[in-house]
Amino acid sequence: MLLRRHGAELVSCTENIDNTPSGKLLYGLLAEITQFYSGNLAQEVMKGLLRKAEEGGTPCRAPIGYLNGRKTVEGVTFASLEPDPDRADLVRRCLEQYATGESP
């Protein structure tokens, strides 16, 4: 609708989307299918991240103070977190200072 308001027209090389009732119906159906695909994909990604976390893996990059690693348990390799030997003590000290209200 925004395109039409500004005088532009959608032209598809693969679909017969025009200003006829059939073209409008096809456009609406394709828009709904795309919306469903996007919502379903987001749901599946969240499901995969949750499953990975439940299995002990890490679903994202390591936070500061940790390093991403790989572990093999009973023949299954998965991502894991390992303390960063260069930063772990600094991060621990900062968190302790924040928790106690101690100034640096």
PDB file of N, CA and C in Angstrom:
ATOM      1  N   MET A   1       0.831  -1.196   0.000  1.00  0.00           N
ATOM      2  CA  MET A   1       0.000   0.000   0.000  1.00  0.00           C
ATOM      3  C   MET A   1       0.870   1.253   0.000  1.00  0.00           C
ATOM      4  N   LEU A   2       1.970   1.196   0.742  1.00  0.00           N
ATOM      5  CA  LEU A   2       2.872   2.342   0.804  1.00  0.00           C
ATOM      6  C   LEU A   2       3.476   2.626  -0.569  1.00  0.00           C
ATOM      7  N   LEU A   3       3.836   1.567  -1.279  1.00  0.00           N
ATOM      8  CA  LEU A   3       4.383   1.745  -2.627  1.00  0.00           C
ATOM      9  C   LEU A   3       3.376   2.423  -3.539  1.00  0.00           C
ATOM     10  N   ARG A   4       2.137   1.959  -3.475  1.00  0.00           N
ATOM     11  CA  ARG A   4       1.091   2.527  -4.352  1.00  0.00           C
ATOM     12  C   ARG A   4       0.806   3.983  -4.011  1.00  0.00           C
ATOM     13  N   ARG A   5       0.822   4.302  -2.709  1.00  0.00           N
ATOM     14  CA  ARG A   5       0.572   5.680  -2.293  1.00  0.00           C
ATOM     15  C   ARG A   5       1.602   6.635  -2.880  1.00  0.00           C
ATOM     16  N   HIS A   6       2.811   6.137  -3.094  1.00  0.00           N
ATOM     17  CA  HIS A   6       3.880   6.979  -3.636  1.00  0.00           C
ATOM     18  C   HIS A   6       4.053   6.799  -5.139  1.00  0.00           C
ATOM     19  N   GLY A   7       3.095   6.137  -5.777  1.00  0.00           N
ATOM     20  CA  GLY A   7       3.092   6.020  -7.220  1.00  0.00           C
ATOM     21  C   GLY A   7       3.959   4.892  -7.770  1.00  0.00           C
ATOM     22  N   ALA A   8       4.463   4.029  -6.907  1.00  0.00           N
ATOM     23  CA  ALA A   8       5.266   2.903  -7.383  1.00  0.00           C
ATOM     24  C   ALA A   8       4.375   1.678  -7.516  1.00  0.00           C
ATOM     25  N   GLU A   9       4.816   0.746  -8.331  1.00  0.00           N
ATOM     26  CA  GLU A   9       4.047  -0.476  -8.550  1.00  0.00           C
ATOM     27  C   GLU A   9       4.955  -1.683  -8.372  1.00  0.00           C
ATOM     28  N   LEU A  10       4.465  -2.694  -7.679  1.00  0.00           N
ATOM     29  CA  LEU A  10       5.209  -3.929  -7.478  1.00  0.00           C
ATOM     30  C   LEU A  10       5.114  -4.777  -8.740  1.00  0.00           C
ATOM     31  N   VAL A  11       6.261  -5.190  -9.262  1.00  0.00           N
ATOM     32  CA  VAL A  11       6.299  -6.047 -10.437  1.00  0.00           C
ATOM     33  C   VAL A  11       7.077  -7.289 -10.068  1.00  0.00           C
ATOM     34  N   SER A  12       6.442  -8.455 -10.228  1.00  0.00           N
ATOM     35  CA  SER A  12       7.092  -9.722  -9.931  1.00  0.00           C
ATOM     36  C   SER A  12       7.418 -10.447 -11.225  1.00  0.00           C
ATOM     37  N   CYS A  13       8.619 -10.988 -11.277  1.00  0.00           N
ATOM     38  CA  CYS A  13       9.021 -11.745 -12.464  1.00  0.00           C
ATOM     39  C   CYS A  13       8.508 -13.173 -12.423  1.00  0.00           C
ATOM     40  N   THR A  14       8.120 -13.643 -11.251  1.00  0.00           N
ATOM     41  CA  THR A  14       7.707 -15.044 -11.111  1.00  0.00           C
ATOM     42  C   THR A  14       6.224 -15.207 -10.792  1.00  0.00           C
ATOM     43  N   GLU A  15       5.574 -14.165 -10.291  1.00  0.00           N
ATOM     44  CA  GLU A  15       4.161 -14.258  -9.910  1.00  0.00           C
ATOM     45  C   GLU A  15       3.355 -13.200 -10.655  1.00  0.00           C
ATOM     46  N   ASN A  16       2.102 -13.495 -10.917  1.00  0.00           N
ATOM     47  CA  ASN A  16       1.228 -12.550 -11.597  1.00  0.00           C
ATOM     48  C   ASN A  16       0.532 -11.671 -10.559  1.00  0.00           C
ATOM     49  N   ILE A  17       1.300 -10.776  -9.980  1.00  0.00           N
ATOM     50  CA  ILE A  17       0.755  -9.863  -8.978  1.00  0.00           C
ATOM     51  C   ILE A  17       0.475  -8.534  -9.677  1.00  0.00           C
ATOM     52  N   ASP A  18      -0.808  -8.239  -9.809  1.00  0.00           N
ATOM     53  CA  ASP A  18      -1.195  -6.986 -10.429  1.00  0.00           C
ATOM     54  C   ASP A  18      -2.317  -6.368  -9.614  1.00  0.00           C
ATOM     55  N   ASN A  19      -3.011  -5.399 -10.182  1.00  0.00           N
ATOM     56  CA  ASN A  19      -4.052  -4.671  -9.459  1.00  0.00           C
ATOM     57  C   ASN A  19      -5.432  -5.318  -9.585  1.00  0.00           C
ATOM     58  N   THR A  20      -5.502  -6.490 -10.167  1.00  0.00           N
ATOM     59  CA  THR A  20      -6.781  -7.179 -10.300  1.00  0.00           C
ATOM     60  C   THR A  20      -7.119  -7.863  -8.976  1.00  0.00           C
ATOM     61  N   PRO A  21      -8.378  -8.262  -8.791  1.00  0.00           N
ATOM     62  CA  PRO A  21      -8.727  -8.989  -7.565  1.00  0.00           C
ATOM     63  C   PRO A  21      -7.875 -10.250  -7.372  1.00  0.00           C
ATOM     64  N   SER A  22      -7.572 -10.961  -8.458  1.00  0.00           N
ATOM     65  CA  SER A  22      -6.729 -12.167  -8.350  1.00  0.00           C
ATOM     66  C   SER A  22      -5.318 -11.809  -7.916  1.00  0.00           C
ATOM     67  N   GLY A  23      -4.771 -10.734  -8.455  1.00  0.00           N
ATOM     68  CA  GLY A  23      -3.429 -10.287  -8.082  1.00  0.00           C
ATOM     69  C   GLY A  23      -3.363  -9.859  -6.633  1.00  0.00           C
ATOM     70  N   LYS A  24      -4.404  -9.140  -6.173  1.00  0.00           N
ATOM     71  CA  LYS A  24      -4.458  -8.718  -4.768  1.00  0.00           C
ATOM     72  C   LYS A  24      -4.568  -9.918  -3.835  1.00  0.00           C
ATOM     73  N   LEU A  25      -5.361 -10.929  -4.232  1.00  0.00           N
ATOM     74  CA  LEU A  25      -5.487 -12.145  -3.432  1.00  0.00           C
ATOM     75  C   LEU A  25      -4.142 -12.852  -3.336  1.00  0.00           C
ATOM     76  N   LEU A  26      -3.459 -12.998  -4.461  1.00  0.00           N
ATOM     77  CA  LEU A  26      -2.162 -13.666  -4.474  1.00  0.00           C
ATOM     78  C   LEU A  26      -1.161 -12.915  -3.602  1.00  0.00           C
ATOM     79  N   TYR A  27      -1.149 -11.597  -3.707  1.00  0.00           N
ATOM     80  CA  TYR A  27      -0.253 -10.787  -2.896  1.00  0.00           C
ATOM     81  C   TYR A  27      -0.540 -10.996  -1.405  1.00  0.00           C
ATOM     82  N   GLY A  28      -1.812 -10.994  -1.035  1.00  0.00           N
ATOM     83  CA  GLY A  28      -2.193 -11.203   0.366  1.00  0.00           C
ATOM     84  C   GLY A  28      -1.780 -12.576   0.868  1.00  0.00           C
ATOM     85  N   LEU A  29      -1.996 -13.596   0.044  1.00  0.00           N
ATOM     86  CA  LEU A  29      -1.601 -14.959   0.442  1.00  0.00           C
ATOM     87  C   LEU A  29      -0.092 -15.064   0.619  1.00  0.00           C
ATOM     88  N   LEU A  30       0.656 -14.504  -0.318  1.00  0.00           N
ATOM     89  CA  LEU A  30       2.113 -14.548  -0.205  1.00  0.00           C
ATOM     90  C   LEU A  30       2.604 -13.793   1.026  1.00  0.00           C
ATOM     91  N   ALA A  31       1.969 -12.680   1.334  1.00  0.00           N
ATOM     92  CA  ALA A  31       2.347 -11.911   2.530  1.00  0.00           C
ATOM     93  C   ALA A  31       2.081 -12.720   3.794  1.00  0.00           C
ATOM     94  N   GLU A  32       0.939 -13.400   3.854  1.00  0.00           N
ATOM     95  CA  GLU A  32       0.611 -14.217   5.029  1.00  0.00           C
ATOM     96  C   GLU A  32       1.560 -15.404   5.165  1.00  0.00           C
ATOM     97  N   ILE A  33       1.897 -16.036   4.054  1.00  0.00           N
ATOM     98  CA  ILE A  33       2.830 -17.167   4.089  1.00  0.00           C
ATOM     99  C   ILE A  33       4.197 -16.700   4.576  1.00  0.00           C
ATOM    100  N   THR A  34       4.631 -15.541   4.107  1.00  0.00           N
ATOM    101  CA  THR A  34       5.914 -14.994   4.542  1.00  0.00           C
ATOM    102  C   THR A  34       5.889 -14.674   6.028  1.00  0.00           C
ATOM    103  N   GLN A  35       4.790 -14.120   6.507  1.00  0.00           N
ATOM    104  CA  GLN A  35       4.653 -13.800   7.934  1.00  0.00           C
ATOM    105  C   GLN A  35       4.698 -15.078   8.770  1.00  0.00           C
ATOM    106  N   PHE A  36       4.009 -16.111   8.312  1.00  0.00           N
ATOM    107  CA  PHE A  36       4.032 -17.398   9.013  1.00  0.00           C
ATOM    108  C   PHE A  36       5.447 -17.967   9.037  1.00  0.00           C
ATOM    109  N   TYR A  37       6.132 -17.938   7.904  1.00  0.00           N
ATOM    110  CA  TYR A  37       7.490 -18.474   7.822  1.00  0.00           C
ATOM    111  C   TYR A  37       8.409 -17.772   8.816  1.00  0.00           C
ATOM    112  N   SER A  38       8.319 -16.457   8.871  1.00  0.00           N
ATOM    113  CA  SER A  38       9.164 -15.676   9.765  1.00  0.00           C
ATOM    114  C   SER A  38       8.871 -16.008  11.229  1.00  0.00           C
ATOM    115  N   GLY A  39       7.601 -16.043  11.601  1.00  0.00           N
ATOM    116  CA  GLY A  39       7.227 -16.371  12.977  1.00  0.00           C
ATOM    117  C   GLY A  39       7.620 -17.784  13.357  1.00  0.00           C
ATOM    118  N   ASN A  40       7.417 -18.726  12.448  1.00  0.00           N
ATOM    119  CA  ASN A  40       7.763 -20.118  12.707  1.00  0.00           C
ATOM    120  C   ASN A  40       9.275 -20.287  12.845  1.00  0.00           C
ATOM    121  N   LEU A  41      10.037 -19.598  11.997  1.00  0.00           N
ATOM    122  CA  LEU A  41      11.491 -19.667  12.069  1.00  0.00           C
ATOM    123  C   LEU A  41      11.995 -19.141  13.417  1.00  0.00           C
ATOM    124  N   ALA A  42      11.441 -18.034  13.879  1.00  0.00           N
ATOM    125  CA  ALA A  42      11.835 -17.481  15.177  1.00  0.00           C
ATOM    126  C   ALA A  42      11.545 -18.475  16.294  1.00  0.00           C
ATOM    127  N   GLN A  43      10.391 -19.126  16.233  1.00  0.00           N
ATOM    128  CA  GLN A  43      10.019 -20.112  17.244  1.00  0.00           C
ATOM    129  C   GLN A  43      10.975 -21.310  17.229  1.00  0.00           C
ATOM    130  N   GLU A  44      11.334 -21.777  16.050  1.00  0.00           N
ATOM    131  CA  GLU A  44      12.252 -22.915  15.937  1.00  0.00           C
ATOM    132  C   GLU A  44      13.655 -22.556  16.426  1.00  0.00           C
ATOM    133  N   VAL A  45      14.105 -21.336  16.158  1.00  0.00           N
ATOM    134  CA  VAL A  45      15.415 -20.893  16.638  1.00  0.00           C
ATOM    135  C   VAL A  45      15.423 -20.864  18.160  1.00  0.00           C
ATOM    136  N   MET A  46      14.378 -20.313  18.754  1.00  0.00           N
ATOM    137  CA  MET A  46      14.299 -20.261  20.223  1.00  0.00           C
ATOM    138  C   MET A  46      14.263 -21.662  20.818  1.00  0.00           C
ATOM    139  N   LYS A  47      13.544 -22.561  20.170  1.00  0.00           N
ATOM    140  CA  LYS A  47      13.477 -23.941  20.638  1.00  0.00           C
ATOM    141  C   LYS A  47      14.870 -24.583  20.608  1.00  0.00           C
ATOM    142  N   GLY A  48      15.619 -24.336  19.538  1.00  0.00           N
ATOM    143  CA  GLY A  48      16.966 -24.877  19.415  1.00  0.00           C
ATOM    144  C   GLY A  48      17.917 -24.300  20.446  1.00  0.00           C
ATOM    145  N   LEU A  49      17.825 -22.992  20.710  1.00  0.00           N
ATOM    146  CA  LEU A  49      18.670 -22.367  21.728  1.00  0.00           C
ATOM    147  C   LEU A  49      18.366 -22.923  23.111  1.00  0.00           C
ATOM    148  N   LEU A  50      17.098 -23.116  23.413  1.00  0.00           N
ATOM    149  CA  LEU A  50      16.708 -23.668  24.707  1.00  0.00           C
ATOM    150  C   LEU A  50      17.209 -25.092  24.862  1.00  0.00           C
ATOM    151  N   ARG A  51      17.053 -25.907  23.833  1.00  0.00           N
ATOM    152  CA  ARG A  51      17.518 -27.292  23.880  1.00  0.00           C
ATOM    153  C   ARG A  51      19.031 -27.342  24.070  1.00  0.00           C
ATOM    154  N   LYS A  52      19.741 -26.466  23.367  1.00  0.00           N
ATOM    155  CA  LYS A  52      21.194 -26.431  23.489  1.00  0.00           C
ATOM    156  C   LYS A  52      21.604 -26.075  24.919  1.00  0.00           C
ATOM    157  N   ALA A  53      20.932 -25.115  25.522  1.00  0.00           N
ATOM    158  CA  ALA A  53      21.231 -24.731  26.900  1.00  0.00           C
ATOM    159  C   ALA A  53      20.899 -25.859  27.874  1.00  0.00           C
ATOM    160  N   GLU A  54      19.776 -26.546  27.653  1.00  0.00           N
ATOM    161  CA  GLU A  54      19.395 -27.661  28.526  1.00  0.00           C
ATOM    162  C   GLU A  54      20.405 -28.804  28.464  1.00  0.00           C
ATOM    163  N   GLU A  55      21.066 -28.950  27.319  1.00  0.00           N
ATOM    164  CA  GLU A  55      22.061 -30.008  27.151  1.00  0.00           C
ATOM    165  C   GLU A  55      23.437 -29.593  27.648  1.00  0.00           C
ATOM    166  N   GLY A  56      23.540 -28.375  28.194  1.00  0.00           N
ATOM    167  CA  GLY A  56      24.802 -27.914  28.752  1.00  0.00           C
ATOM    168  C   GLY A  56      25.649 -27.110  27.793  1.00  0.00           C
ATOM    169  N   GLY A  57      25.176 -26.885  26.585  1.00  0.00           N
ATOM    170  CA  GLY A  57      25.920 -26.089  25.619  1.00  0.00           C
ATOM    171  C   GLY A  57      25.686 -24.610  25.847  1.00  0.00           C
ATOM    172  N   THR A  58      26.379 -23.799  25.094  1.00  0.00           N
ATOM    173  CA  THR A  58      26.212 -22.356  25.194  1.00  0.00           C
ATOM    174  C   THR A  58      25.589 -21.853  23.905  1.00  0.00           C
ATOM    175  N   PRO A  59      24.459 -21.180  23.984  1.00  0.00           N
ATOM    176  CA  PRO A  59      23.752 -20.751  22.777  1.00  0.00           C
ATOM    177  C   PRO A  59      24.281 -19.466  22.156  1.00  0.00           C
ATOM    178  N   CYS A  60      25.322 -18.865  22.737  1.00  0.00           N
ATOM    179  CA  CYS A  60      25.817 -17.602  22.188  1.00  0.00           C
ATOM    180  C   CYS A  60      27.312 -17.469  22.466  1.00  0.00           C
ATOM    181  N   ARG A  61      27.869 -16.333  22.082  1.00  0.00           N
ATOM    182  CA  ARG A  61      29.283 -16.085  22.331  1.00  0.00           C
ATOM    183  C   ARG A  61      29.530 -15.928  23.828  1.00  0.00           C
ATOM    184  N   ALA A  62      30.728 -16.284  24.226  1.00  0.00           N
ATOM    185  CA  ALA A  62      31.095 -16.234  25.637  1.00  0.00           C
ATOM    186  C   ALA A  62      31.093 -14.793  26.149  1.00  0.00           C
ATOM    187  N   PRO A  63      30.565 -14.579  27.360  1.00  0.00           N
ATOM    188  CA  PRO A  63      30.640 -13.239  27.949  1.00  0.00           C
ATOM    189  C   PRO A  63      32.078 -12.944  28.391  1.00  0.00           C
ATOM    190  N   ILE A  64      32.352 -11.684  28.677  1.00  0.00           N
ATOM    191  CA  ILE A  64      33.702 -11.311  29.089  1.00  0.00           C
ATOM    192  C   ILE A  64      34.078 -12.090  30.351  1.00  0.00           C
ATOM    193  N   GLY A  65      35.288 -12.573  30.382  1.00  0.00           N
ATOM    194  CA  GLY A  65      35.756 -13.402  31.496  1.00  0.00           C
ATOM    195  C   GLY A  65      35.733 -14.886  31.172  1.00  0.00           C
ATOM    196  N   TYR A  66      35.153 -15.228  30.029  1.00  0.00           N
ATOM    197  CA  TYR A  66      35.075 -16.621  29.589  1.00  0.00           C
ATOM    198  C   TYR A  66      35.534 -16.723  28.143  1.00  0.00           C
ATOM    199  N   LEU A  67      35.852 -17.927  27.733  1.00  0.00           N
ATOM    200  CA  LEU A  67      36.203 -18.215  26.347  1.00  0.00           C
ATOM    201  C   LEU A  67      35.291 -19.318  25.834  1.00  0.00           C
ATOM    202  N   ASN A  68      34.953 -19.243  24.551  1.00  0.00           N
ATOM    203  CA  ASN A  68      34.206 -20.337  23.935  1.00  0.00           C
ATOM    204  C   ASN A  68      35.144 -21.522  23.779  1.00  0.00           C
ATOM    205  N   GLY A  69      34.645 -22.696  24.086  1.00  0.00           N
ATOM    206  CA  GLY A  69      35.442 -23.908  23.946  1.00  0.00           C
ATOM    207  C   GLY A  69      34.597 -25.028  23.368  1.00  0.00           C
ATOM    208  N   ARG A  70      35.202 -26.192  23.216  1.00  0.00           N
ATOM    209  CA  ARG A  70      34.508 -27.380  22.733  1.00  0.00           C
ATOM    210  C   ARG A  70      34.807 -28.495  23.721  1.00  0.00           C
ATOM    211  N   LYS A  71      33.783 -29.237  24.088  1.00  0.00           N
ATOM    212  CA  LYS A  71      33.947 -30.386  24.975  1.00  0.00           C
ATOM    213  C   LYS A  71      33.335 -31.607  24.314  1.00  0.00           C
ATOM    214  N   THR A  72      33.923 -32.754  24.599  1.00  0.00           N
ATOM    215  CA  THR A  72      33.378 -34.011  24.116  1.00  0.00           C
ATOM    216  C   THR A  72      33.039 -34.864  25.331  1.00  0.00           C
ATOM    217  N   VAL A  73      31.767 -35.212  25.448  1.00  0.00           N
ATOM    218  CA  VAL A  73      31.292 -36.053  26.544  1.00  0.00           C
ATOM    219  C   VAL A  73      30.588 -37.247  25.935  1.00  0.00           C
ATOM    220  N   GLU A  74      31.066 -38.427  26.254  1.00  0.00           N
ATOM    221  CA  GLU A  74      30.500 -39.677  25.744  1.00  0.00           C
ATOM    222  C   GLU A  74      30.367 -39.649  24.219  1.00  0.00           C
ATOM    223  N   GLY A  75      31.385 -39.127  23.556  1.00  0.00           N
ATOM    224  CA  GLY A  75      31.403 -39.113  22.103  1.00  0.00           C
ATOM    225  C   GLY A  75      30.628 -37.985  21.445  1.00  0.00           C
ATOM    226  N   VAL A  76      30.010 -37.124  22.246  1.00  0.00           N
ATOM    227  CA  VAL A  76      29.236 -36.004  21.700  1.00  0.00           C
ATOM    228  C   VAL A  76      30.004 -34.713  21.956  1.00  0.00           C
ATOM    229  N   THR A  77      30.305 -33.977  20.893  1.00  0.00           N
ATOM    230  CA  THR A  77      31.032 -32.713  21.014  1.00  0.00           C
ATOM    231  C   THR A  77      30.036 -31.557  21.018  1.00  0.00           C
ATOM    232  N   PHE A  78      30.220 -30.636  21.970  1.00  0.00           N
ATOM    233  CA  PHE A  78      29.341 -29.477  22.048  1.00  0.00           C
ATOM    234  C   PHE A  78      30.136 -28.264  22.508  1.00  0.00           C
ATOM    235  N   ALA A  79      29.555 -27.086  22.285  1.00  0.00           N
ATOM    236  CA  ALA A  79      30.191 -25.833  22.700  1.00  0.00           C
ATOM    237  C   ALA A  79      30.110 -25.703  24.215  1.00  0.00           C
ATOM    238  N   SER A  80      31.139 -25.096  24.794  1.00  0.00           N
ATOM    239  CA  SER A  80      31.156 -24.899  26.240  1.00  0.00           C
ATOM    240  C   SER A  80      31.832 -23.581  26.565  1.00  0.00           C
ATOM    241  N   LEU A  81      31.751 -23.184  27.809  1.00  0.00           N
ATOM    242  CA  LEU A  81      32.435 -21.987  28.295  1.00  0.00           C
ATOM    243  C   LEU A  81      33.576 -22.417  29.195  1.00  0.00           C
ATOM    244  N   GLU A  82      34.691 -21.705  29.069  1.00  0.00           N
ATOM    245  CA  GLU A  82      35.841 -21.956  29.919  1.00  0.00           C
ATOM    246  C   GLU A  82      36.303 -20.615  30.461  1.00  0.00           C
ATOM    247  N   PRO A  83      36.749 -20.555  31.707  1.00  0.00           N
ATOM    248  CA  PRO A  83      37.255 -19.284  32.239  1.00  0.00           C
ATOM    249  C   PRO A  83      38.427 -18.772  31.404  1.00  0.00           C
ATOM    250  N   ASP A  84      38.442 -17.482  31.159  1.00  0.00           N
ATOM    251  CA  ASP A  84      39.533 -16.840  30.431  1.00  0.00           C
ATOM    252  C   ASP A  84      40.659 -16.585  31.430  1.00  0.00           C
ATOM    253  N   PRO A  85      41.793 -17.240  31.274  1.00  0.00           N
ATOM    254  CA  PRO A  85      42.858 -17.094  32.264  1.00  0.00           C
ATOM    255  C   PRO A  85      43.367 -15.654  32.391  1.00  0.00           C
ATOM    256  N   ASP A  86      43.229 -14.852  31.338  1.00  0.00           N
ATOM    257  CA  ASP A  86      43.706 -13.468  31.388  1.00  0.00           C
ATOM    258  C   ASP A  86      42.704 -12.508  32.026  1.00  0.00           C
ATOM    259  N   ARG A  87      41.420 -12.822  31.979  1.00  0.00           N
ATOM    260  CA  ARG A  87      40.404 -11.864  32.431  1.00  0.00           C
ATOM    261  C   ARG A  87      39.523 -12.355  33.575  1.00  0.00           C
ATOM    262  N   ALA A  88      39.483 -13.621  33.842  1.00  0.00           N
ATOM    263  CA  ALA A  88      38.535 -14.156  34.832  1.00  0.00           C
ATOM    264  C   ALA A  88      38.705 -13.500  36.197  1.00  0.00           C
ATOM    265  N   ASP A  89      39.931 -13.332  36.668  1.00  0.00           N
ATOM    266  CA  ASP A  89      40.139 -12.720  37.986  1.00  0.00           C
ATOM    267  C   ASP A  89      39.711 -11.263  38.009  1.00  0.00           C
ATOM    268  N   LEU A  90      39.951 -10.552  36.914  1.00  0.00           N
ATOM    269  CA  LEU A  90      39.533  -9.149  36.844  1.00  0.00           C
ATOM    270  C   LEU A  90      38.013  -9.022  36.878  1.00  0.00           C
ATOM    271  N   VAL A  91      37.335  -9.863  36.124  1.00  0.00           N
ATOM    272  CA  VAL A  91      35.873  -9.822  36.095  1.00  0.00           C
ATOM    273  C   VAL A  91      35.316 -10.188  37.468  1.00  0.00           C
ATOM    274  N   ARG A  92      35.872 -11.219  38.099  1.00  0.00           N
ATOM    275  CA  ARG A  92      35.422 -11.628  39.430  1.00  0.00           C
ATOM    276  C   ARG A  92      35.582 -10.468  40.424  1.00  0.00           C
ATOM    277  N   ARG A  93      36.724  -9.773  40.378  1.00  0.00           N
ATOM    278  CA  ARG A  93      36.982  -8.655  41.280  1.00  0.00           C
ATOM    279  C   ARG A  93      35.986  -7.518  41.020  1.00  0.00           C
ATOM    280  N   CYS A  94      35.725  -7.211  39.769  1.00  0.00           N
ATOM    281  CA  CYS A  94      34.755  -6.154  39.439  1.00  0.00           C
ATOM    282  C   CYS A  94      33.364  -6.493  39.956  1.00  0.00           C
ATOM    283  N   LEU A  95      32.953  -7.737  39.787  1.00  0.00           N
ATOM    284  CA  LEU A  95      31.629  -8.146  40.270  1.00  0.00           C
ATOM    285  C   LEU A  95      31.559  -8.103  41.792  1.00  0.00           C
ATOM    286  N   GLU A  96      32.627  -8.486  42.454  1.00  0.00           N
ATOM    287  CA  GLU A  96      32.654  -8.403  43.926  1.00  0.00           C
ATOM    288  C   GLU A  96      32.557  -6.956  44.381  1.00  0.00           C
ATOM    289  N   GLN A  97      33.275  -6.061  43.708  1.00  0.00           N
ATOM    290  CA  GLN A  97      33.207  -4.638  44.064  1.00  0.00           C
ATOM    291  C   GLN A  97      31.807  -4.092  43.838  1.00  0.00           C
ATOM    292  N   TYR A  98      31.186  -4.481  42.748  1.00  0.00           N
ATOM    293  CA  TYR A  98      29.823  -4.008  42.469  1.00  0.00           C
ATOM    294  C   TYR A  98      28.851  -4.541  43.517  1.00  0.00           C
ATOM    295  N   ALA A  99      28.980  -5.826  43.863  1.00  0.00           N
ATOM    296  CA  ALA A  99      28.044  -6.438  44.812  1.00  0.00           C
ATOM    297  C   ALA A  99      28.183  -5.862  46.209  1.00  0.00           C
ATOM    298  N   THR A 100      29.381  -5.482  46.602  1.00  0.00           N
ATOM    299  CA  THR A 100      29.600  -4.953  47.958  1.00  0.00           C
ATOM    300  C   THR A 100      29.540  -3.440  48.020  1.00  0.00           C
ATOM    301  N   GLY A 101      29.511  -2.795  46.864  1.00  0.00           N
ATOM    302  CA  GLY A 101      29.493  -1.331  46.837  1.00  0.00           C
ATOM    303  C   GLY A 101      30.869  -0.740  47.064  1.00  0.00           C
ATOM    304  N   GLU A 102      31.889  -1.582  47.066  1.00  0.00           N
ATOM    305  CA  GLU A 102      33.265  -1.129  47.271  1.00  0.00           C
ATOM    306  C   GLU A 102      33.712  -0.336  46.054  1.00  0.00           C
ATOM    307  N   SER A 103      34.388   0.788  46.296  1.00  0.00           N
ATOM    308  CA  SER A 103      34.894   1.574  45.170  1.00  0.00           C
ATOM    309  C   SER A 103      36.294   1.085  44.812  1.00  0.00           C
ATOM    310  N   PRO A 104      36.668   1.234  43.560  1.00  0.00           N
ATOM    311  CA  PRO A 104      37.998   0.756  43.121  1.00  0.00           C
ATOM    312  C   PRO A 104      39.155   1.467  43.774  1.00  0.00           C
TER     313      PRO A 104
END
